[in-house]
Amino acid sequence: MATSRETFTQVKDILRKLDRSIDAARERRTGPDHRPGMAAPARPQPPQSNGRADHGPTP
């Protein structure tokens, strides 16, 4: 079953729009300074009720 050039172009356009949409959502989520391949800044963990970060069970 052959794929027509028009069908191929339509699929390519849909994928291009989807890619732009993903990029826009990523930018809204991470901010404009985030670049693909770079780690997002780590969020600090909130302190536990005892005022210390949870480091697991104490021996």
C-alpha atoms as a PDB file:
ATOM      1  CA  MET A   1       0.000   0.000   0.000  1.00  0.00           C
ATOM      2  CA  ALA A   2       1.657   3.191  -1.172  1.00  0.00           C
ATOM      3  CA  THR A   3       1.505   6.461   0.759  1.00  0.00           C
ATOM      4  CA  SER A   4       0.731   9.543  -1.268  1.00  0.00           C
ATOM      5  CA  ARG A   5       2.895  12.636  -1.030  1.00  0.00           C
ATOM      6  CA  GLU A   6      -0.121  14.585   0.280  1.00  0.00           C
ATOM      7  CA  THR A   7      -0.666  12.094   3.115  1.00  0.00           C
ATOM      8  CA  PHE A   8       3.018  12.192   3.999  1.00  0.00           C
ATOM      9  CA  THR A   9       2.947  16.006   4.082  1.00  0.00           C
ATOM     10  CA  GLN A  10      -0.144  16.019   6.298  1.00  0.00           C
ATOM     11  CA  VAL A  11       1.460  13.631   8.790  1.00  0.00           C
ATOM     12  CA  LYS A  12       4.661  15.684   8.782  1.00  0.00           C
ATOM     13  CA  ASP A  13       2.668  18.867   9.499  1.00  0.00           C
ATOM     14  CA  ILE A  14       0.780  17.198  12.354  1.00  0.00           C
ATOM     15  CA  LEU A  15       4.031  15.983  13.906  1.00  0.00           C
ATOM     16  CA  ARG A  16       5.565  19.449  13.550  1.00  0.00           C
ATOM     17  CA  LYS A  17       2.579  21.026  15.363  1.00  0.00           C
ATOM     18  CA  LEU A  18       2.770  18.387  18.090  1.00  0.00           C
ATOM     19  CA  ASP A  19       6.488  19.053  18.543  1.00  0.00           C
ATOM     20  CA  ARG A  20       5.872  22.804  18.888  1.00  0.00           C
ATOM     21  CA  SER A  21       3.113  22.138  21.390  1.00  0.00           C
ATOM     22  CA  ILE A  22       5.409  19.925  23.483  1.00  0.00           C
ATOM     23  CA  ASP A  23       8.166  22.549  23.369  1.00  0.00           C
ATOM     24  CA  ALA A  24       5.736  25.284  24.468  1.00  0.00           C
ATOM     25  CA  ALA A  25       4.436  23.158  27.360  1.00  0.00           C
ATOM     26  CA  ARG A  26       8.006  22.355  28.442  1.00  0.00           C
ATOM     27  CA  GLU A  27       8.908  26.046  28.392  1.00  0.00           C
ATOM     28  CA  ARG A  28       5.849  26.944  30.484  1.00  0.00           C
ATOM     29  CA  ARG A  29       6.721  24.206  32.976  1.00  0.00           C
ATOM     30  CA  THR A  30      10.472  24.773  33.297  1.00  0.00           C
ATOM     31  CA  GLY A  31      10.907  28.415  32.292  1.00  0.00           C
ATOM     32  CA  PRO A  32      12.580  29.966  29.269  1.00  0.00           C
ATOM     33  CA  ASP A  33      16.161  29.247  30.429  1.00  0.00           C
ATOM     34  CA  HIS A  34      15.759  25.445  30.293  1.00  0.00           C
ATOM     35  CA  ARG A  35      17.468  23.808  27.348  1.00  0.00           C
ATOM     36  CA  PRO A  36      16.967  20.170  26.305  1.00  0.00           C
ATOM     37  CA  GLY A  37      19.689  17.962  27.698  1.00  0.00           C
ATOM     38  CA  MET A  38      20.258  20.111  30.775  1.00  0.00           C
ATOM     39  CA  ALA A  39      19.044  18.949  34.156  1.00  0.00           C
ATOM     40  CA  ALA A  40      16.333  21.035  35.732  1.00  0.00           C
ATOM     41  CA  PRO A  41      17.292  22.575  39.068  1.00  0.00           C
ATOM     42  CA  ALA A  42      16.542  20.288  42.005  1.00  0.00           C
ATOM     43  CA  ARG A  43      13.772  21.359  44.332  1.00  0.00           C
ATOM     44  CA  PRO A  44      14.749  21.456  48.001  1.00  0.00           C
ATOM     45  CA  GLN A  45      12.868  18.984  50.173  1.00  0.00           C
ATOM     46  CA  PRO A  46      10.625  20.524  52.830  1.00  0.00           C
ATOM     47  CA  PRO A  47      11.711  19.840  56.427  1.00  0.00           C
ATOM     48  CA  GLN A  48       9.960  17.067  58.300  1.00  0.00           C
ATOM     49  CA  SER A  49       7.858  17.728  61.397  1.00  0.00           C
ATOM     50  CA  ASN A  50      10.969  17.439  63.596  1.00  0.00           C
ATOM     51  CA  GLY A  51      12.646  20.225  61.612  1.00  0.00           C
ATOM     52  CA  ARG A  52      15.161  17.951  59.885  1.00  0.00           C
ATOM     53  CA  ALA A  53      15.193  16.597  56.356  1.00  0.00           C
ATOM     54  CA  ASP A  54      14.299  12.912  56.238  1.00  0.00           C
ATOM     55  CA  HIS A  55      17.471  10.849  56.022  1.00  0.00           C
ATOM     56  CA  GLY A  56      15.810   7.507  56.578  1.00  0.00           C
ATOM     57  CA  PRO A  57      15.620   5.496  59.777  1.00  0.00           C
ATOM     58  CA  THR A  58      18.116   6.318  62.487  1.00  0.00           C
ATOM     59  CA  PRO A  59      20.273   3.400  63.648  1.00  0.00           C
END
